[in-house]
């Protein structure tokens, strides 16, 4: 059996088991989605968002990319954020990184000539390293350096979220969403909270949008 055929068989078995246990499951799921959370996570196959928080389908709107980045020129990510915030009206946006992240490890190394596009994506993480180089290089082991950059990257992505017009508009109009930065440990499966920005949190003035009050 080919690997993709196994996936199709597993899907049929899963669907049949769901219908047996909850006959109305798929009918209920087919209605409009009303998730409370937008999850921006890493593409790493070891960090499946719904599983690690024991969430059901429909509870979280998801976006994943290498090293869970929020890049303000990435229209894919911004479109997901806008839809989640302005249409789905999520109350929380979570950026979740994970220790021993391959993208972070790659960002701490020299650029590979055979990965030109990936290099450009990782450049944003290299910038975070450069800004915190003394702190990171002061750590005794490479693994500690990687994990600290994982944490700093999560914090930076939450800050970047707060710099977008999408979040600032929602904060101003509807006093939501709350922004969270979490990190996941592959070693024990536990999430740790690194940063929380409630609606209206103070951000650097150069990132603030000016509004003409009615």
N, C-alpha and C. Protein backbone atom coordinates (compact mmCIF):
# COMPACT_ATOMS: atom_id res chain seq x y z
N UNK A 1 0.84 -1.19 0.00
CA UNK A 1 0.00 0.00 0.00
C UNK A 1 0.88 1.25 0.00
N UNK A 2 0.53 2.19 -0.85
CA UNK A 2 1.27 3.44 -0.91
C UNK A 2 0.89 4.33 0.26
N UNK A 3 1.82 5.21 0.68
CA UNK A 3 1.55 6.04 1.87
C UNK A 3 0.28 6.88 1.75
N UNK A 4 0.02 7.46 0.57
CA UNK A 4 -1.16 8.30 0.44
C UNK A 4 -2.44 7.47 0.49
N UNK A 5 -2.37 6.21 0.04
CA UNK A 5 -3.54 5.34 0.10
C UNK A 5 -3.90 5.02 1.55
N UNK A 6 -2.88 4.88 2.37
CA UNK A 6 -3.13 4.64 3.80
C UNK A 6 -3.88 5.82 4.41
N UNK A 7 -3.52 7.05 4.01
CA UNK A 7 -4.22 8.22 4.54
C UNK A 7 -5.69 8.20 4.17
N UNK A 8 -6.00 7.83 2.94
CA UNK A 8 -7.39 7.78 2.50
C UNK A 8 -8.18 6.73 3.28
N UNK A 9 -7.56 5.57 3.52
CA UNK A 9 -8.22 4.52 4.29
C UNK A 9 -8.44 4.96 5.74
N UNK A 10 -7.45 5.62 6.31
CA UNK A 10 -7.58 6.11 7.68
C UNK A 10 -8.69 7.15 7.77
N UNK A 11 -8.83 7.96 6.72
CA UNK A 11 -9.90 8.96 6.70
C UNK A 11 -11.27 8.29 6.73
N UNK A 12 -11.45 7.25 5.93
CA UNK A 12 -12.73 6.55 5.91
C UNK A 12 -13.04 5.92 7.26
N UNK A 13 -12.01 5.33 7.85
CA UNK A 13 -12.21 4.70 9.16
C UNK A 13 -12.57 5.74 10.22
N UNK A 14 -11.89 6.90 10.16
CA UNK A 14 -12.17 7.97 11.12
C UNK A 14 -13.60 8.50 10.95
N UNK A 15 -14.01 8.75 9.69
CA UNK A 15 -15.35 9.28 9.42
C UNK A 15 -16.43 8.30 9.87
N UNK A 16 -16.23 7.03 9.61
CA UNK A 16 -17.21 6.02 10.02
C UNK A 16 -17.31 5.93 11.53
N UNK A 17 -16.15 6.01 12.21
CA UNK A 17 -16.15 5.95 13.66
C UNK A 17 -16.86 7.17 14.26
N UNK A 18 -16.62 8.34 13.67
CA UNK A 18 -17.27 9.56 14.15
C UNK A 18 -18.79 9.46 14.01
N UNK A 19 -19.25 9.00 12.84
CA UNK A 19 -20.69 8.90 12.60
C UNK A 19 -21.33 7.86 13.51
N UNK A 20 -20.58 6.82 13.83
CA UNK A 20 -21.11 5.80 14.73
C UNK A 20 -21.30 6.35 16.14
N UNK A 21 -20.32 7.13 16.59
CA UNK A 21 -20.37 7.68 17.95
C UNK A 21 -21.27 8.90 18.04
N UNK A 22 -21.25 9.74 16.99
CA UNK A 22 -22.04 10.98 16.97
C UNK A 22 -22.72 11.11 15.61
N UNK A 23 -23.89 10.57 15.43
CA UNK A 23 -24.55 10.56 14.12
C UNK A 23 -24.73 11.95 13.50
N UNK A 24 -24.87 12.98 14.33
CA UNK A 24 -25.09 14.34 13.81
C UNK A 24 -23.80 15.14 13.68
N UNK A 25 -22.65 14.49 13.86
CA UNK A 25 -21.38 15.21 13.94
C UNK A 25 -21.10 16.04 12.69
N UNK A 26 -21.15 15.42 11.52
CA UNK A 26 -20.78 16.14 10.30
C UNK A 26 -21.85 17.13 9.88
N UNK A 27 -23.09 16.84 10.18
CA UNK A 27 -24.15 17.80 9.89
C UNK A 27 -23.95 19.06 10.73
N UNK A 28 -23.59 18.87 12.00
CA UNK A 28 -23.35 20.01 12.88
C UNK A 28 -22.12 20.79 12.42
N UNK A 29 -21.08 20.08 12.01
CA UNK A 29 -19.84 20.72 11.60
C UNK A 29 -20.00 21.49 10.29
N UNK A 30 -20.96 21.11 9.48
CA UNK A 30 -21.14 21.74 8.16
C UNK A 30 -21.76 23.13 8.26
N UNK A 31 -22.28 23.50 9.42
CA UNK A 31 -22.82 24.84 9.60
C UNK A 31 -21.68 25.85 9.69
N UNK A 32 -22.00 27.12 9.75
CA UNK A 32 -20.99 28.17 9.79
C UNK A 32 -20.04 27.96 10.97
N UNK A 33 -18.77 28.26 10.71
CA UNK A 33 -17.77 28.14 11.78
C UNK A 33 -17.77 29.39 12.65
N UNK A 34 -17.58 29.17 13.94
CA UNK A 34 -17.51 30.28 14.89
C UNK A 34 -16.35 30.06 15.87
N UNK A 35 -15.13 30.01 15.36
CA UNK A 35 -14.00 29.75 16.25
C UNK A 35 -13.73 30.93 17.17
N UNK A 36 -13.23 30.62 18.35
CA UNK A 36 -12.85 31.65 19.31
C UNK A 36 -11.39 32.07 19.14
N UNK A 37 -10.60 31.22 18.47
CA UNK A 37 -9.17 31.42 18.41
C UNK A 37 -8.65 31.41 16.97
N UNK A 38 -7.68 32.29 16.71
CA UNK A 38 -6.81 32.17 15.53
C UNK A 38 -5.47 31.68 16.04
N UNK A 39 -4.99 30.60 15.46
CA UNK A 39 -3.72 30.00 15.86
C UNK A 39 -2.73 30.19 14.71
N UNK A 40 -1.62 30.88 14.99
CA UNK A 40 -0.54 31.04 14.02
C UNK A 40 0.63 30.22 14.52
N UNK A 41 0.87 29.09 13.87
CA UNK A 41 1.86 28.15 14.36
C UNK A 41 2.90 27.80 13.32
N UNK A 42 3.83 26.96 13.73
CA UNK A 42 4.89 26.49 12.85
C UNK A 42 4.38 25.33 12.00
N UNK A 43 4.94 25.18 10.80
CA UNK A 43 4.56 24.09 9.90
C UNK A 43 5.07 22.74 10.36
N UNK A 44 5.91 22.70 11.37
CA UNK A 44 6.51 21.46 11.86
C UNK A 44 5.43 20.40 12.11
N UNK A 45 5.64 19.22 11.57
CA UNK A 45 4.65 18.15 11.64
C UNK A 45 4.46 17.60 13.05
N UNK A 46 5.36 17.95 13.95
CA UNK A 46 5.28 17.45 15.33
C UNK A 46 4.45 18.35 16.24
N UNK A 47 3.90 19.43 15.68
CA UNK A 47 3.15 20.39 16.50
C UNK A 47 1.76 20.59 15.90
N UNK A 48 0.90 19.57 15.98
CA UNK A 48 -0.47 19.69 15.46
C UNK A 48 -1.34 20.49 16.43
N UNK A 49 -1.79 21.65 15.99
CA UNK A 49 -2.42 22.61 16.91
C UNK A 49 -3.58 22.03 17.68
N UNK A 50 -4.57 21.46 16.98
CA UNK A 50 -5.76 20.98 17.67
C UNK A 50 -5.45 19.88 18.67
N UNK A 51 -4.50 19.03 18.33
CA UNK A 51 -4.21 17.88 19.19
C UNK A 51 -3.58 18.32 20.51
N UNK A 52 -2.62 19.25 20.45
CA UNK A 52 -1.88 19.59 21.67
C UNK A 52 -2.71 20.41 22.66
N UNK A 53 -3.83 20.98 22.19
CA UNK A 53 -4.72 21.67 23.13
C UNK A 53 -6.06 20.95 23.26
N UNK A 54 -6.12 19.74 22.68
CA UNK A 54 -7.32 18.90 22.78
C UNK A 54 -8.57 19.64 22.30
N UNK A 55 -8.44 20.34 21.15
CA UNK A 55 -9.55 21.10 20.59
C UNK A 55 -10.29 20.26 19.54
N UNK A 56 -11.55 20.56 19.38
CA UNK A 56 -12.37 19.91 18.37
C UNK A 56 -12.34 20.74 17.08
N UNK A 57 -12.60 20.10 15.92
CA UNK A 57 -12.74 20.87 14.69
C UNK A 57 -13.78 21.97 14.85
N UNK A 58 -13.45 23.15 14.36
CA UNK A 58 -14.35 24.29 14.49
C UNK A 58 -14.00 25.25 15.61
N UNK A 59 -13.11 24.83 16.51
CA UNK A 59 -12.75 25.69 17.64
C UNK A 59 -11.64 26.67 17.32
N UNK A 60 -10.77 26.33 16.33
CA UNK A 60 -9.64 27.20 16.02
C UNK A 60 -9.50 27.39 14.51
N UNK A 61 -9.23 28.63 14.12
CA UNK A 61 -8.88 28.97 12.75
C UNK A 61 -7.36 28.94 12.69
N UNK A 62 -6.78 28.32 11.66
CA UNK A 62 -5.36 28.02 11.68
C UNK A 62 -4.59 28.65 10.52
N UNK A 63 -3.37 29.08 10.84
CA UNK A 63 -2.39 29.46 9.82
C UNK A 63 -1.04 28.94 10.28
N UNK A 64 -0.32 28.28 9.39
CA UNK A 64 0.98 27.74 9.76
C UNK A 64 2.01 28.08 8.68
N UNK A 65 3.21 28.39 9.13
CA UNK A 65 4.32 28.60 8.21
C UNK A 65 5.62 28.27 8.94
N UNK A 66 6.74 28.33 8.23
CA UNK A 66 8.02 28.00 8.85
C UNK A 66 8.35 29.02 9.94
N UNK A 67 8.47 28.53 11.15
CA UNK A 67 8.86 29.32 12.33
C UNK A 67 7.80 30.34 12.73
N UNK A 68 6.53 30.04 12.44
CA UNK A 68 5.38 30.81 12.95
C UNK A 68 5.59 32.32 12.90
N UNK A 69 5.80 32.81 11.69
CA UNK A 69 6.09 34.23 11.52
C UNK A 69 4.86 35.04 11.07
N UNK A 70 4.84 36.30 11.48
CA UNK A 70 3.87 37.27 11.02
C UNK A 70 4.66 38.35 10.27
N UNK A 71 4.66 38.24 8.96
CA UNK A 71 5.43 39.15 8.13
C UNK A 71 4.46 40.06 7.40
N UNK A 72 4.64 41.35 7.56
CA UNK A 72 3.62 42.30 7.11
C UNK A 72 3.57 42.48 5.60
N UNK A 73 4.42 41.81 4.87
CA UNK A 73 4.30 41.78 3.41
C UNK A 73 3.81 40.42 2.91
N UNK A 74 3.47 39.54 3.84
CA UNK A 74 2.96 38.21 3.50
C UNK A 74 1.44 38.28 3.43
N UNK A 75 0.90 38.43 2.22
CA UNK A 75 -0.54 38.59 2.06
C UNK A 75 -1.32 37.34 2.44
N UNK A 76 -0.69 36.19 2.36
CA UNK A 76 -1.34 34.96 2.80
C UNK A 76 -1.67 35.05 4.28
N UNK A 77 -0.65 35.34 5.09
CA UNK A 77 -0.85 35.45 6.54
C UNK A 77 -1.80 36.58 6.88
N UNK A 78 -1.61 37.74 6.25
CA UNK A 78 -2.47 38.89 6.55
C UNK A 78 -3.92 38.63 6.19
N UNK A 79 -4.15 37.90 5.09
CA UNK A 79 -5.52 37.57 4.70
C UNK A 79 -6.19 36.68 5.73
N UNK A 80 -5.43 35.72 6.26
CA UNK A 80 -5.96 34.85 7.31
C UNK A 80 -6.30 35.66 8.55
N UNK A 81 -5.38 36.55 8.94
CA UNK A 81 -5.62 37.38 10.13
C UNK A 81 -6.85 38.26 9.93
N UNK A 82 -6.95 38.90 8.76
CA UNK A 82 -8.09 39.78 8.51
C UNK A 82 -9.41 39.01 8.54
N UNK A 83 -9.43 37.84 7.91
CA UNK A 83 -10.67 37.06 7.90
C UNK A 83 -11.05 36.62 9.31
N UNK A 84 -10.04 36.15 10.05
CA UNK A 84 -10.31 35.68 11.41
C UNK A 84 -10.80 36.80 12.31
N UNK A 85 -10.19 37.98 12.20
CA UNK A 85 -10.51 39.09 13.09
C UNK A 85 -11.76 39.83 12.65
N UNK A 86 -11.86 40.13 11.35
CA UNK A 86 -12.95 41.00 10.88
C UNK A 86 -14.22 40.23 10.49
N UNK A 87 -14.09 38.98 10.10
CA UNK A 87 -15.26 38.21 9.68
C UNK A 87 -15.67 37.20 10.75
N UNK A 88 -14.72 36.40 11.20
CA UNK A 88 -15.04 35.39 12.21
C UNK A 88 -15.11 35.97 13.62
N UNK A 89 -14.55 37.15 13.80
CA UNK A 89 -14.64 37.85 15.09
C UNK A 89 -14.00 37.06 16.23
N UNK A 90 -12.83 36.50 15.99
CA UNK A 90 -12.16 35.74 17.04
C UNK A 90 -11.81 36.65 18.21
N UNK A 91 -11.82 36.07 19.38
CA UNK A 91 -11.50 36.83 20.59
C UNK A 91 -10.04 36.75 20.98
N UNK A 92 -9.31 35.80 20.40
CA UNK A 92 -7.92 35.59 20.77
C UNK A 92 -7.11 35.21 19.54
N UNK A 93 -5.89 35.74 19.45
CA UNK A 93 -4.93 35.33 18.43
C UNK A 93 -3.71 34.79 19.16
N UNK A 94 -3.34 33.56 18.84
CA UNK A 94 -2.23 32.89 19.50
C UNK A 94 -1.11 32.65 18.49
N UNK A 95 0.09 33.14 18.80
CA UNK A 95 1.28 32.76 18.04
C UNK A 95 2.00 31.71 18.87
N UNK A 96 2.19 30.53 18.28
CA UNK A 96 2.81 29.43 19.03
C UNK A 96 4.05 28.93 18.32
N UNK A 97 5.18 29.07 18.98
CA UNK A 97 6.42 28.47 18.50
C UNK A 97 6.72 27.20 19.27
N UNK A 98 7.84 26.59 18.97
CA UNK A 98 8.21 25.38 19.70
C UNK A 98 9.72 25.27 19.81
N UNK A 99 10.17 24.72 20.92
CA UNK A 99 11.59 24.52 21.14
C UNK A 99 12.16 23.53 20.11
N UNK A 100 13.44 23.67 19.84
CA UNK A 100 14.14 22.85 18.84
C UNK A 100 13.56 23.03 17.43
N UNK A 101 13.11 24.25 17.14
CA UNK A 101 12.50 24.54 15.84
C UNK A 101 13.56 24.50 14.74
N UNK A 102 13.30 23.74 13.68
CA UNK A 102 14.24 23.64 12.58
C UNK A 102 14.46 24.95 11.86
N UNK A 103 13.40 25.75 11.74
CA UNK A 103 13.54 27.06 11.10
C UNK A 103 14.45 27.98 11.89
N UNK A 104 14.34 27.94 13.20
CA UNK A 104 15.20 28.76 14.06
C UNK A 104 16.64 28.28 13.97
N UNK A 105 16.83 26.97 13.98
CA UNK A 105 18.19 26.42 13.84
C UNK A 105 18.82 26.87 12.53
N UNK A 106 18.03 26.82 11.45
CA UNK A 106 18.55 27.23 10.14
C UNK A 106 18.89 28.71 10.12
N UNK A 107 18.10 29.52 10.82
CA UNK A 107 18.35 30.96 10.86
C UNK A 107 19.63 31.29 11.60
N UNK A 108 20.05 30.41 12.51
CA UNK A 108 21.28 30.63 13.26
C UNK A 108 22.52 30.13 12.51
N UNK A 109 22.32 29.56 11.34
CA UNK A 109 23.43 29.05 10.53
C UNK A 109 23.62 29.92 9.29
N UNK A 110 24.68 29.65 8.56
CA UNK A 110 24.91 30.36 7.30
C UNK A 110 23.82 29.99 6.30
N UNK A 111 23.57 30.85 5.35
CA UNK A 111 22.54 30.62 4.35
C UNK A 111 22.99 29.54 3.36
N UNK A 112 22.05 28.67 3.02
CA UNK A 112 22.34 27.59 2.07
C UNK A 112 22.06 28.05 0.65
N UNK A 113 23.01 27.81 -0.22
CA UNK A 113 22.89 28.26 -1.61
C UNK A 113 21.77 27.54 -2.36
N UNK A 114 21.36 26.37 -1.87
CA UNK A 114 20.32 25.60 -2.57
C UNK A 114 18.92 25.90 -2.04
N UNK A 115 18.80 26.83 -1.10
CA UNK A 115 17.49 27.16 -0.52
C UNK A 115 17.26 28.67 -0.59
N UNK A 116 17.26 29.20 -1.80
CA UNK A 116 17.21 30.64 -1.97
C UNK A 116 15.92 31.25 -1.40
N UNK A 117 14.76 30.63 -1.67
CA UNK A 117 13.51 31.16 -1.17
C UNK A 117 13.42 31.04 0.35
N UNK A 118 13.83 29.91 0.87
CA UNK A 118 13.80 29.71 2.32
C UNK A 118 14.72 30.71 3.02
N UNK A 119 15.87 31.00 2.41
CA UNK A 119 16.77 32.00 2.99
C UNK A 119 16.07 33.33 3.20
N UNK A 120 15.29 33.74 2.21
CA UNK A 120 14.59 35.02 2.30
C UNK A 120 13.56 35.00 3.43
N UNK A 121 12.89 33.88 3.60
CA UNK A 121 11.91 33.75 4.67
C UNK A 121 12.58 33.82 6.04
N UNK A 122 13.73 33.17 6.15
CA UNK A 122 14.43 33.11 7.43
C UNK A 122 15.17 34.40 7.76
N UNK A 123 15.31 35.30 6.78
CA UNK A 123 16.03 36.55 7.02
C UNK A 123 15.40 37.35 8.17
N UNK A 124 14.08 37.26 8.30
CA UNK A 124 13.40 38.00 9.37
C UNK A 124 13.82 37.48 10.75
N UNK A 125 14.08 36.18 10.84
CA UNK A 125 14.54 35.63 12.12
C UNK A 125 15.99 36.00 12.37
N UNK A 126 16.79 36.03 11.32
CA UNK A 126 18.17 36.48 11.48
C UNK A 126 18.21 37.91 12.01
N UNK A 127 17.26 38.74 11.59
CA UNK A 127 17.20 40.11 12.10
C UNK A 127 16.92 40.13 13.60
N UNK A 128 16.04 39.23 14.05
CA UNK A 128 15.76 39.14 15.49
C UNK A 128 17.02 38.71 16.24
N UNK A 129 17.75 37.75 15.68
CA UNK A 129 19.02 37.31 16.28
C UNK A 129 20.00 38.47 16.39
N UNK A 130 20.12 39.25 15.31
CA UNK A 130 21.07 40.37 15.30
C UNK A 130 20.74 41.38 16.40
N UNK A 131 19.44 41.63 16.62
CA UNK A 131 19.03 42.59 17.64
C UNK A 131 19.29 42.09 19.06
N UNK A 132 19.37 40.77 19.23
CA UNK A 132 19.55 40.17 20.56
C UNK A 132 20.83 39.33 20.59
N UNK A 133 21.77 39.65 19.73
CA UNK A 133 22.95 38.79 19.55
C UNK A 133 23.74 38.61 20.84
N UNK A 134 23.96 39.67 21.58
CA UNK A 134 24.77 39.57 22.80
C UNK A 134 24.13 38.62 23.80
N UNK A 135 22.80 38.74 23.99
CA UNK A 135 22.10 37.85 24.92
C UNK A 135 22.19 36.40 24.48
N UNK A 136 21.94 36.17 23.19
CA UNK A 136 21.92 34.80 22.67
C UNK A 136 23.30 34.17 22.72
N UNK A 137 24.31 34.93 22.27
CA UNK A 137 25.67 34.39 22.25
C UNK A 137 26.22 34.19 23.65
N UNK A 138 25.62 34.84 24.64
CA UNK A 138 26.07 34.68 26.01
C UNK A 138 25.60 33.38 26.66
N UNK A 139 24.72 32.64 25.99
CA UNK A 139 24.23 31.38 26.54
C UNK A 139 25.25 30.27 26.27
N UNK A 140 25.39 29.31 27.19
CA UNK A 140 26.52 28.37 27.12
C UNK A 140 26.44 27.31 26.03
N UNK A 141 25.25 26.93 25.61
CA UNK A 141 25.15 25.84 24.62
C UNK A 141 24.34 26.30 23.41
N UNK A 142 24.59 25.62 22.29
CA UNK A 142 23.85 25.95 21.07
C UNK A 142 22.36 25.69 21.24
N UNK A 143 22.01 24.62 21.95
CA UNK A 143 20.59 24.31 22.15
C UNK A 143 19.90 25.42 22.94
N UNK A 144 20.56 25.95 23.95
CA UNK A 144 19.99 27.06 24.71
C UNK A 144 19.85 28.30 23.84
N UNK A 145 20.81 28.52 22.95
CA UNK A 145 20.74 29.65 22.03
C UNK A 145 19.55 29.51 21.09
N UNK A 146 19.36 28.30 20.56
CA UNK A 146 18.22 28.05 19.67
C UNK A 146 16.92 28.31 20.42
N UNK A 147 16.80 27.76 21.61
CA UNK A 147 15.54 27.87 22.34
C UNK A 147 15.25 29.31 22.78
N UNK A 148 16.29 30.07 23.09
CA UNK A 148 16.05 31.47 23.43
C UNK A 148 15.59 32.26 22.21
N UNK A 149 16.17 31.96 21.05
CA UNK A 149 15.72 32.64 19.83
C UNK A 149 14.29 32.21 19.47
N UNK A 150 13.92 30.97 19.77
CA UNK A 150 12.53 30.54 19.61
C UNK A 150 11.61 31.46 20.40
N UNK A 151 11.97 31.70 21.66
CA UNK A 151 11.14 32.55 22.52
C UNK A 151 11.10 34.00 22.03
N UNK A 152 12.25 34.54 21.69
CA UNK A 152 12.31 35.92 21.20
C UNK A 152 11.53 36.08 19.90
N UNK A 153 11.56 35.06 19.08
CA UNK A 153 10.82 35.10 17.81
C UNK A 153 9.32 35.15 18.07
N UNK A 154 8.82 34.34 18.99
CA UNK A 154 7.39 34.36 19.33
C UNK A 154 6.99 35.75 19.83
N UNK A 155 7.78 36.30 20.74
CA UNK A 155 7.47 37.62 21.29
C UNK A 155 7.44 38.67 20.18
N UNK A 156 8.40 38.59 19.27
CA UNK A 156 8.45 39.55 18.17
C UNK A 156 7.24 39.43 17.26
N UNK A 157 6.78 38.20 17.00
CA UNK A 157 5.62 38.03 16.12
C UNK A 157 4.35 38.59 16.75
N UNK A 158 4.22 38.47 18.06
CA UNK A 158 3.06 39.05 18.74
C UNK A 158 3.13 40.58 18.64
N UNK A 159 4.32 41.13 18.81
CA UNK A 159 4.48 42.57 18.66
C UNK A 159 4.11 43.00 17.24
N UNK A 160 4.53 42.22 16.24
CA UNK A 160 4.21 42.55 14.85
C UNK A 160 2.71 42.53 14.61
N UNK A 161 2.03 41.59 15.23
CA UNK A 161 0.57 41.56 15.12
C UNK A 161 -0.03 42.88 15.59
N UNK A 162 0.47 43.38 16.72
CA UNK A 162 -0.08 44.62 17.27
C UNK A 162 0.23 45.82 16.40
N UNK A 163 1.18 45.69 15.49
CA UNK A 163 1.54 46.80 14.61
C UNK A 163 0.67 46.87 13.36
N UNK A 164 -0.16 45.85 13.13
CA UNK A 164 -0.97 45.82 11.92
C UNK A 164 -2.23 46.67 12.08
N UNK A 165 -2.70 47.21 10.96
CA UNK A 165 -3.95 47.97 10.99
C UNK A 165 -5.13 47.08 11.36
N UNK A 166 -5.05 45.80 11.02
CA UNK A 166 -6.14 44.86 11.32
C UNK A 166 -6.39 44.79 12.83
N UNK A 167 -5.32 44.58 13.57
CA UNK A 167 -5.45 44.46 15.03
C UNK A 167 -5.78 45.80 15.65
N UNK A 168 -5.13 46.85 15.23
CA UNK A 168 -5.39 48.16 15.84
C UNK A 168 -6.82 48.62 15.58
N UNK A 169 -7.34 48.36 14.39
CA UNK A 169 -8.73 48.72 14.10
C UNK A 169 -9.69 47.93 14.98
N UNK A 170 -9.43 46.63 15.14
CA UNK A 170 -10.32 45.80 15.96
C UNK A 170 -10.23 46.21 17.43
N UNK A 171 -9.05 46.54 17.89
CA UNK A 171 -8.91 47.03 19.27
C UNK A 171 -9.74 48.30 19.47
N UNK A 172 -9.66 49.18 18.51
CA UNK A 172 -10.34 50.48 18.63
C UNK A 172 -11.85 50.33 18.54
N UNK A 173 -12.33 49.51 17.62
CA UNK A 173 -13.76 49.41 17.37
C UNK A 173 -14.47 48.46 18.34
N UNK A 174 -13.83 47.34 18.65
CA UNK A 174 -14.54 46.26 19.35
C UNK A 174 -13.82 45.73 20.58
N UNK A 175 -12.68 46.34 20.94
CA UNK A 175 -11.95 45.95 22.15
C UNK A 175 -11.58 44.46 22.15
N UNK A 176 -11.14 43.99 21.03
CA UNK A 176 -10.68 42.61 20.85
C UNK A 176 -9.80 42.58 19.60
N UNK A 177 -9.02 41.54 19.39
CA UNK A 177 -8.79 40.33 20.19
C UNK A 177 -7.62 40.51 21.15
N UNK A 178 -7.50 39.58 22.07
CA UNK A 178 -6.32 39.51 22.92
C UNK A 178 -5.25 38.72 22.18
N UNK A 179 -4.00 39.19 22.28
CA UNK A 179 -2.89 38.53 21.59
C UNK A 179 -2.05 37.74 22.58
N UNK A 180 -1.67 36.54 22.17
CA UNK A 180 -0.91 35.65 23.04
C UNK A 180 0.32 35.11 22.32
N UNK A 181 1.41 34.95 23.05
CA UNK A 181 2.59 34.27 22.53
C UNK A 181 2.93 33.08 23.40
N UNK A 182 2.89 31.90 22.80
CA UNK A 182 3.14 30.66 23.54
C UNK A 182 4.30 29.90 22.91
N UNK A 183 4.92 29.04 23.71
CA UNK A 183 5.95 28.14 23.19
C UNK A 183 5.64 26.73 23.67
N UNK A 184 5.85 25.78 22.77
CA UNK A 184 5.53 24.38 23.02
C UNK A 184 6.81 23.57 23.17
N UNK A 185 6.83 22.70 24.15
CA UNK A 185 7.99 21.83 24.37
C UNK A 185 7.73 20.46 23.75
N UNK A 186 8.57 20.07 22.81
CA UNK A 186 8.45 18.74 22.22
C UNK A 186 8.79 17.67 23.25
N UNK A 187 9.56 18.03 24.26
CA UNK A 187 10.02 17.05 25.23
C UNK A 187 8.95 16.57 26.19
N UNK A 188 8.01 17.46 26.55
CA UNK A 188 6.98 17.04 27.51
C UNK A 188 5.56 17.42 27.08
N UNK A 189 5.41 18.08 25.94
CA UNK A 189 4.08 18.40 25.43
C UNK A 189 3.40 19.58 26.11
N UNK A 190 4.15 20.36 26.89
CA UNK A 190 3.56 21.45 27.66
C UNK A 190 3.74 22.79 26.94
N UNK A 191 2.69 23.61 26.99
CA UNK A 191 2.73 24.97 26.47
C UNK A 191 3.09 25.95 27.58
N UNK A 192 3.88 26.95 27.25
CA UNK A 192 4.25 28.00 28.20
C UNK A 192 3.89 29.35 27.59
N UNK A 193 3.29 30.21 28.38
CA UNK A 193 2.92 31.54 27.91
C UNK A 193 4.10 32.49 28.07
N UNK A 194 4.43 33.22 27.00
CA UNK A 194 5.56 34.14 27.01
C UNK A 194 5.14 35.60 27.06
N UNK A 195 4.04 35.94 26.41
CA UNK A 195 3.60 37.33 26.32
C UNK A 195 2.10 37.36 26.07
N UNK A 196 1.44 38.34 26.65
CA UNK A 196 0.01 38.58 26.40
C UNK A 196 -0.19 40.08 26.20
N UNK A 197 -0.87 40.44 25.13
CA UNK A 197 -1.21 41.84 24.86
C UNK A 197 -2.72 41.97 24.82
N UNK A 198 -3.33 42.53 25.86
CA UNK A 198 -4.78 42.77 25.83
C UNK A 198 -5.10 43.88 24.83
N UNK A 199 -6.36 44.01 24.42
CA UNK A 199 -6.76 45.11 23.54
C UNK A 199 -6.37 46.46 24.13
N UNK A 200 -5.83 47.32 23.28
CA UNK A 200 -5.44 48.64 23.72
C UNK A 200 -4.07 48.71 24.36
N UNK A 201 -3.30 47.62 24.31
CA UNK A 201 -1.97 47.64 24.90
C UNK A 201 -1.12 48.74 24.27
N UNK A 202 -0.25 49.33 25.06
CA UNK A 202 0.61 50.40 24.58
C UNK A 202 1.65 49.82 23.63
N UNK A 203 1.73 50.40 22.44
CA UNK A 203 2.76 50.01 21.48
C UNK A 203 3.55 51.25 21.08
N UNK A 204 4.73 51.03 20.59
CA UNK A 204 5.60 52.14 20.18
C UNK A 204 4.86 53.05 19.21
N UNK A 205 5.01 54.35 19.43
CA UNK A 205 4.27 55.33 18.64
C UNK A 205 4.50 55.26 17.15
N UNK A 206 5.67 54.84 16.73
CA UNK A 206 5.95 54.80 15.29
C UNK A 206 5.15 53.71 14.58
N UNK A 207 4.57 52.78 15.35
CA UNK A 207 3.76 51.72 14.77
C UNK A 207 2.25 52.00 14.89
N UNK A 208 1.90 53.07 15.57
CA UNK A 208 0.49 53.35 15.80
C UNK A 208 -0.14 54.01 14.58
N UNK A 209 -1.41 53.70 14.35
CA UNK A 209 -2.18 54.34 13.29
C UNK A 209 -2.91 55.55 13.86
N UNK A 210 -2.93 56.61 13.09
CA UNK A 210 -3.69 57.80 13.47
C UNK A 210 -5.10 57.71 12.92
N UNK A 211 -6.07 58.06 13.75
CA UNK A 211 -7.47 58.01 13.35
C UNK A 211 -8.08 59.39 13.53
N UNK A 212 -8.87 59.78 12.57
CA UNK A 212 -9.64 61.01 12.69
C UNK A 212 -10.92 60.70 13.45
N UNK A 213 -11.02 61.21 14.65
CA UNK A 213 -12.18 60.92 15.48
C UNK A 213 -13.42 61.60 14.90
N UNK A 214 -14.54 60.86 14.85
CA UNK A 214 -15.79 61.42 14.32
C UNK A 214 -16.32 62.50 15.26
